[in-house]
Every structure is written in C-alpha cells, then in structure tokens.
C-alpha cells in the first residue's frame, strides 16, 4: 500500500486532490491510502508520532502557515528524500518551491489529467527508491535503511567483526567486516577513505589535507592511499549528475 498525505486549508481542494488520487489508483490497480490535514502542524504532529508517507501533496499558501516552510521542516526532521508535490493558485510561488526541492508544482484548480502524469513519475521514483534500501540486522532487530541516508561506515571500535553505520539520525551497530559492506555498496557511490572507513560520496562537502568534511559538518580521516580514488569518484559523480540533468 502507498500512503499519501494531502495538506490544504480548503476542504474542497482536499476533496479534489483525494478524488484524483483515488481515481488514479483505481485506473492503475494500485492500493493508495490518503490522509488529509487542514494544517501543516497537524501533519507534523503525525510525523512526530512515527507515521510515514510515500509522498505529499501540499498547498503552498494556507491561512495560518506557509506550505513551503512546512515542507522544509519535513525534509530536515523526518524525511530528507520526501517526494513533495505543490499545488497553488499562485504560479509566482514556483520559484520558492525550488528551495525545498519540490518534485512538481501544479496550478489550481487541480485537474486529473495533470496529476495523472505527475503520479506516474512519482510511482517510478518510489520504485527506484525501493531498490536503494538495505535490510540491516541490527541489535534490536532487522532495520530498513535508505542507502542515500548512510554517510559513512566504520569498523567498530567496541566490538569485533562489527561495523558502525552512520546516518544523520543514528548510528547502527551491525555484524560483518568492512570489506563485506564495501562489496555490497561499492556500486552505490561508496569509496574507501581510510583504513576502517568507507564513505558515501554524496555526503562529502569538502576534501582537504588528510580529512573529509561531510554535510553534517562531521570530519572523517582521508589517507594518501585513497585520496586519488576519492577525488576521481567525486569528479565522476558531478559529471554523471550533470549528464542526468541535461537528459
């Protein structure tokens, strides 16, 4: 089942969005559940309680809140990779939506034919994301981890034959040596940076003498042995991303 959160201060606009989404789910034989919110704070409270949504449909300008601001909180606190679709009466807000990496921006009144195309793209994106998840045998049971959220993995300093997986939110201690995890992730933009460390290229902000600065300001060591390979990987990643954007 896919779960979508619709947030709009106008009930009629919520009803239109939900009707379009459910029509899409029926037409494409999908199981989609809609959760509706009249304020951004209601949605944030639900996310704080542990609820998860596969994508979001947001009004930009609500009576008490700015939808773009609420979206930025979702990205920072709950889901860095959230798929967010904005709907608005005001095309002038489109530029602002880029600041939170909106997936799409649709002008009201919402029409099924416009949303259908966007939802098909969203479903492809979600399927791609599913291929980028790991089931990790952690101490407290199996955990599902987004590979893109992993910043680096290091050989555990406390336990033998174990590694510590570092994400922005937590550190997960799991069994297995670093070579095993590198072989699993080497095609996912991970490289060695130092003996006992592999790092996610996408989280590197600065490369400087003997160390790497990550996007959470954490610093990890970089040895001369791996420095050239890290540099090459960074360059190749930038080139690949540019080619992808140009399409």
Protein backbone atom coordinates (compact mmCIF):
# COMPACT_ATOMS: atom_id res chain seq x y z
CA UNK A 1 0.00 0.00 0.00
CA UNK A 2 1.14 3.55 -0.79
CA UNK A 3 0.33 6.31 1.69
CA UNK A 4 -0.04 9.95 0.69
CA UNK A 5 -0.55 12.99 2.91
CA UNK A 6 -2.69 15.81 1.50
CA UNK A 7 -2.33 19.14 3.30
CA UNK A 8 -4.59 22.07 2.39
CA UNK A 9 -6.61 24.53 4.44
CA UNK A 10 -9.52 24.33 1.96
CA UNK A 11 -11.59 21.15 2.34
CA UNK A 12 -12.88 21.39 -1.24
CA UNK A 13 -9.31 21.31 -2.54
CA UNK A 14 -8.51 18.32 -0.33
CA UNK A 15 -11.56 16.54 -1.74
CA UNK A 16 -10.47 17.27 -5.33
CA UNK A 17 -6.91 16.02 -4.71
CA UNK A 18 -8.14 12.88 -2.96
CA UNK A 19 -10.65 12.15 -5.73
CA UNK A 20 -7.94 12.46 -8.39
CA UNK A 21 -5.52 10.22 -6.46
CA UNK A 22 -8.14 7.54 -5.81
CA UNK A 23 -9.22 7.66 -9.47
CA UNK A 24 -5.59 7.11 -10.43
CA UNK A 25 -5.26 4.19 -8.01
CA UNK A 26 -8.40 2.56 -9.42
CA UNK A 27 -7.36 3.09 -13.02
CA UNK A 28 -3.88 1.63 -12.42
CA UNK A 29 -4.93 -1.11 -9.99
CA UNK A 30 -2.98 0.33 -7.06
CA UNK A 31 -3.67 0.46 -3.33
CA UNK A 32 -3.27 4.11 -2.28
CA UNK A 33 -4.44 5.50 1.06
CA UNK A 34 -4.94 9.23 1.57
CA UNK A 35 -4.53 11.01 4.91
CA UNK A 36 -5.93 14.54 4.94
CA UNK A 37 -4.74 17.50 7.01
CA UNK A 38 -6.13 21.03 7.24
CA UNK A 39 -2.96 22.44 8.84
CA UNK A 40 0.73 21.76 8.49
CA UNK A 41 1.09 21.41 12.25
CA UNK A 42 -1.39 18.52 12.30
CA UNK A 43 0.75 16.77 9.69
CA UNK A 44 3.99 17.47 11.58
CA UNK A 45 2.44 16.08 14.79
CA UNK A 46 1.54 12.89 12.94
CA UNK A 47 5.06 12.54 11.55
CA UNK A 48 6.46 13.14 15.02
CA UNK A 49 4.41 10.18 16.26
CA UNK A 50 6.23 7.95 13.76
CA UNK A 51 3.85 7.98 10.79
CA UNK A 52 5.42 7.73 7.32
CA UNK A 53 4.09 8.78 3.91
CA UNK A 54 5.35 7.79 0.49
CA UNK A 55 4.67 11.26 -0.93
CA UNK A 56 2.99 14.56 -0.05
CA UNK A 57 0.56 16.90 -1.83
CA UNK A 58 0.80 20.41 -0.37
CA UNK A 59 -0.98 23.70 -0.75
CA UNK A 60 1.62 26.46 -0.82
CA UNK A 61 -0.33 29.29 0.76
CA UNK A 62 -2.52 28.32 3.72
CA UNK A 63 -4.34 30.63 6.11
CA UNK A 64 -2.02 30.12 9.09
CA UNK A 65 1.05 28.55 7.53
CA UNK A 66 3.43 28.58 4.60
CA UNK A 67 3.40 25.18 2.90
CA UNK A 68 6.98 25.60 1.70
CA UNK A 69 8.13 26.21 5.28
CA UNK A 70 6.29 23.07 6.47
CA UNK A 71 7.90 21.11 3.63
CA UNK A 72 11.35 22.32 4.71
CA UNK A 73 10.73 21.01 8.24
CA UNK A 74 9.69 17.62 6.85
CA UNK A 75 12.94 17.43 4.87
CA UNK A 76 15.11 18.45 7.83
CA UNK A 77 13.47 16.43 10.59
CA UNK A 78 11.60 13.49 9.12
CA UNK A 79 12.38 12.57 5.53
CA UNK A 80 15.33 14.03 3.67
CA UNK A 81 14.16 12.39 0.44
CA UNK A 82 10.46 13.27 0.72
CA UNK A 83 8.58 13.49 -2.57
CA UNK A 84 6.61 16.73 -2.37
CA UNK A 85 4.06 17.96 -4.94
CA UNK A 86 2.89 21.54 -4.51
CA UNK A 87 -0.49 22.83 -5.68
CA UNK A 88 -1.29 26.53 -5.65
CA UNK A 89 -3.47 29.29 -7.05
CA UNK A 90 -0.35 31.42 -7.41
CA UNK A 91 2.25 30.48 -10.06
CA UNK A 92 4.55 33.10 -8.54
CA UNK A 93 5.42 30.68 -5.72
CA UNK A 94 7.02 28.20 -8.12
CA UNK A 95 10.48 29.71 -7.70
CA UNK A 96 10.27 29.41 -3.92
CA UNK A 97 9.33 25.75 -4.20
CA UNK A 98 12.79 25.02 -5.63
CA UNK A 99 14.28 25.84 -2.23
CA UNK A 100 12.82 22.61 -0.81
CA UNK A 101 13.43 20.57 -3.98
CA UNK A 102 9.77 20.16 -4.82
CA UNK A 103 9.08 17.21 -7.08
CA UNK A 104 6.48 19.16 -9.06
CA UNK A 105 4.34 22.29 -8.95
CA UNK A 106 0.75 22.19 -10.23
CA UNK A 107 -1.54 25.18 -10.54
CA UNK A 108 -5.04 25.06 -9.06
CA UNK A 109 -7.73 24.10 -9.82
CA UNK A 110 -6.21 20.60 -9.83
CA UNK A 111 -7.16 18.52 -12.87
CA UNK A 112 -6.88 14.75 -13.09
CA UNK A 113 -5.08 14.76 -16.44
CA UNK A 114 -2.27 16.91 -14.99
CA UNK A 115 -1.95 14.94 -11.77
CA UNK A 116 -2.02 11.59 -13.58
CA UNK A 117 1.24 12.31 -15.38
CA UNK A 118 2.92 13.50 -12.19
CA UNK A 119 1.74 10.47 -10.20
CA UNK A 120 3.13 8.09 -12.83
CA UNK A 121 6.51 9.80 -12.45
CA UNK A 122 6.22 9.61 -8.67
CA UNK A 123 5.50 5.88 -8.77
CA UNK A 124 8.60 5.28 -10.88
CA UNK A 125 10.62 7.33 -8.40
CA UNK A 126 9.30 5.32 -5.45
CA UNK A 127 10.12 2.04 -7.19
CA UNK A 128 13.67 3.28 -7.81
CA UNK A 129 13.99 4.26 -4.16
CA UNK A 130 12.91 0.78 -3.09
CA UNK A 131 15.96 -0.60 -4.88
CA UNK A 132 18.11 1.70 -2.76
CA UNK A 133 17.19 0.29 0.63
CA UNK A 134 19.01 -2.18 2.86
CA UNK A 135 17.64 -4.57 5.43
CA UNK A 136 20.17 -4.29 8.26
CA UNK A 137 20.43 -6.95 11.00
CA UNK A 138 20.80 -4.55 13.94
CA UNK A 139 20.94 -5.49 17.62
CA UNK A 140 17.29 -4.52 18.15
CA UNK A 141 16.02 -6.46 15.12
CA UNK A 142 16.04 -6.01 11.37
CA UNK A 143 16.01 -2.38 10.21
CA UNK A 144 15.26 -0.89 6.80
CA UNK A 145 17.81 1.80 5.93
CA UNK A 146 17.87 4.15 2.93
CA UNK A 147 21.31 3.80 1.35
CA UNK A 148 21.28 7.50 0.48
CA UNK A 149 20.96 8.33 4.21
CA UNK A 150 24.17 6.47 5.10
CA UNK A 151 27.03 8.96 5.42
CA UNK A 152 29.81 6.52 6.20
CA UNK A 153 30.56 3.14 7.73
CA UNK A 154 33.49 2.42 10.01
CA UNK A 155 34.91 -0.66 11.65
CA UNK A 156 33.50 -0.83 15.18
CA UNK A 157 35.86 0.24 17.93
CA UNK A 158 33.88 -1.64 20.56
CA UNK A 159 33.00 -4.98 19.02
CA UNK A 160 34.95 -7.43 16.92
CA UNK A 161 33.68 -8.40 13.46
CA UNK A 162 31.23 -5.48 13.52
CA UNK A 163 30.79 -2.12 11.84
CA UNK A 164 29.00 1.10 12.76
CA UNK A 165 26.68 2.53 10.11
CA UNK A 166 26.46 6.32 10.48
CA UNK A 167 23.45 8.25 9.20
CA UNK A 168 22.34 11.79 10.01
CA UNK A 169 19.90 10.43 12.62
CA UNK A 170 21.65 7.49 14.25
CA UNK A 171 24.50 5.01 14.46
CA UNK A 172 23.58 1.36 13.87
CA UNK A 173 25.97 -1.34 15.03
CA UNK A 174 25.82 -4.46 12.84
CA UNK A 175 27.84 -7.62 12.35
CA UNK A 176 30.19 -8.19 9.42
CA UNK A 177 33.53 -6.75 8.37
CA UNK A 178 34.00 -3.58 6.36
CA UNK A 179 35.05 -5.42 3.21
CA UNK A 180 31.69 -7.20 3.13
CA UNK A 181 29.81 -3.89 3.34
CA UNK A 182 32.06 -2.23 0.75
CA UNK A 183 31.40 -5.05 -1.72
CA UNK A 184 27.69 -4.57 -1.09
CA UNK A 185 27.78 -0.78 -1.58
CA UNK A 186 30.65 -0.06 -3.99
CA UNK A 187 28.18 0.42 -6.86
CA UNK A 188 26.17 2.85 -4.71
CA UNK A 189 28.71 5.71 -4.59
CA UNK A 190 30.74 4.40 -1.65
CA UNK A 191 34.56 4.51 -1.55
CA UNK A 192 37.30 3.84 0.99
CA UNK A 193 38.67 6.99 2.61
CA UNK A 194 40.90 5.50 5.30
CA UNK A 195 41.68 2.12 6.79
CA UNK A 196 38.45 1.12 8.51
CA UNK A 197 36.26 3.72 6.74
CA UNK A 198 34.05 3.79 3.64
CA UNK A 199 32.17 6.98 2.80
CA UNK A 200 29.14 7.96 0.72
CA UNK A 201 30.38 10.35 -1.99
CA UNK A 202 27.07 12.23 -1.94
CA UNK A 203 27.68 13.41 1.63
CA UNK A 204 31.16 14.86 1.05
CA UNK A 205 31.23 18.67 1.13
CA UNK A 206 34.96 19.42 1.38
CA UNK A 207 38.13 17.48 0.68
CA UNK A 208 41.20 18.87 2.40
CA UNK A 209 44.54 17.62 3.60
CA UNK A 210 44.04 14.37 5.46
CA UNK A 211 40.31 14.67 6.04
CA UNK A 212 36.83 14.88 4.55
CA UNK A 213 34.09 17.23 5.76
CA UNK A 214 30.59 15.82 5.42
CA UNK A 215 27.31 17.68 5.00
CA UNK A 216 26.57 17.42 8.73
CA UNK A 217 29.97 19.05 9.48
CA UNK A 218 31.39 15.75 10.72
CA UNK A 219 35.03 15.13 9.83
CA UNK A 220 36.40 11.72 8.88
CA UNK A 221 40.00 10.81 8.00
CA UNK A 222 41.36 10.61 4.45
CA UNK A 223 44.61 8.77 3.78
CA UNK A 224 47.01 9.41 0.88
CA UNK A 225 46.39 5.83 -0.22
CA UNK A 226 42.73 6.57 -1.03
CA UNK A 227 42.84 10.31 -1.78
CA UNK A 228 43.16 9.98 -5.58
CA UNK A 229 40.32 7.45 -5.76
CA UNK A 230 38.07 9.72 -3.69
CA UNK A 231 38.86 12.68 -5.97
CA UNK A 232 38.11 10.65 -9.09
CA UNK A 233 34.83 9.42 -7.62
CA UNK A 234 33.76 12.97 -6.74
CA UNK A 235 34.53 14.21 -10.26
CA UNK A 236 32.75 11.27 -11.91
CA UNK A 237 29.72 11.82 -9.67
CA UNK A 238 29.46 15.50 -10.67
CA UNK A 239 29.79 14.63 -14.37
CA UNK A 240 27.18 11.88 -14.06
CA UNK A 241 24.74 14.23 -12.32
CA UNK A 242 25.19 16.95 -14.95
CA UNK A 243 24.57 14.49 -17.79
CA UNK A 244 21.48 13.18 -15.97
CA UNK A 245 20.08 16.71 -15.55
CA UNK A 246 20.66 17.55 -19.21
CA UNK A 247 18.82 14.31 -20.02
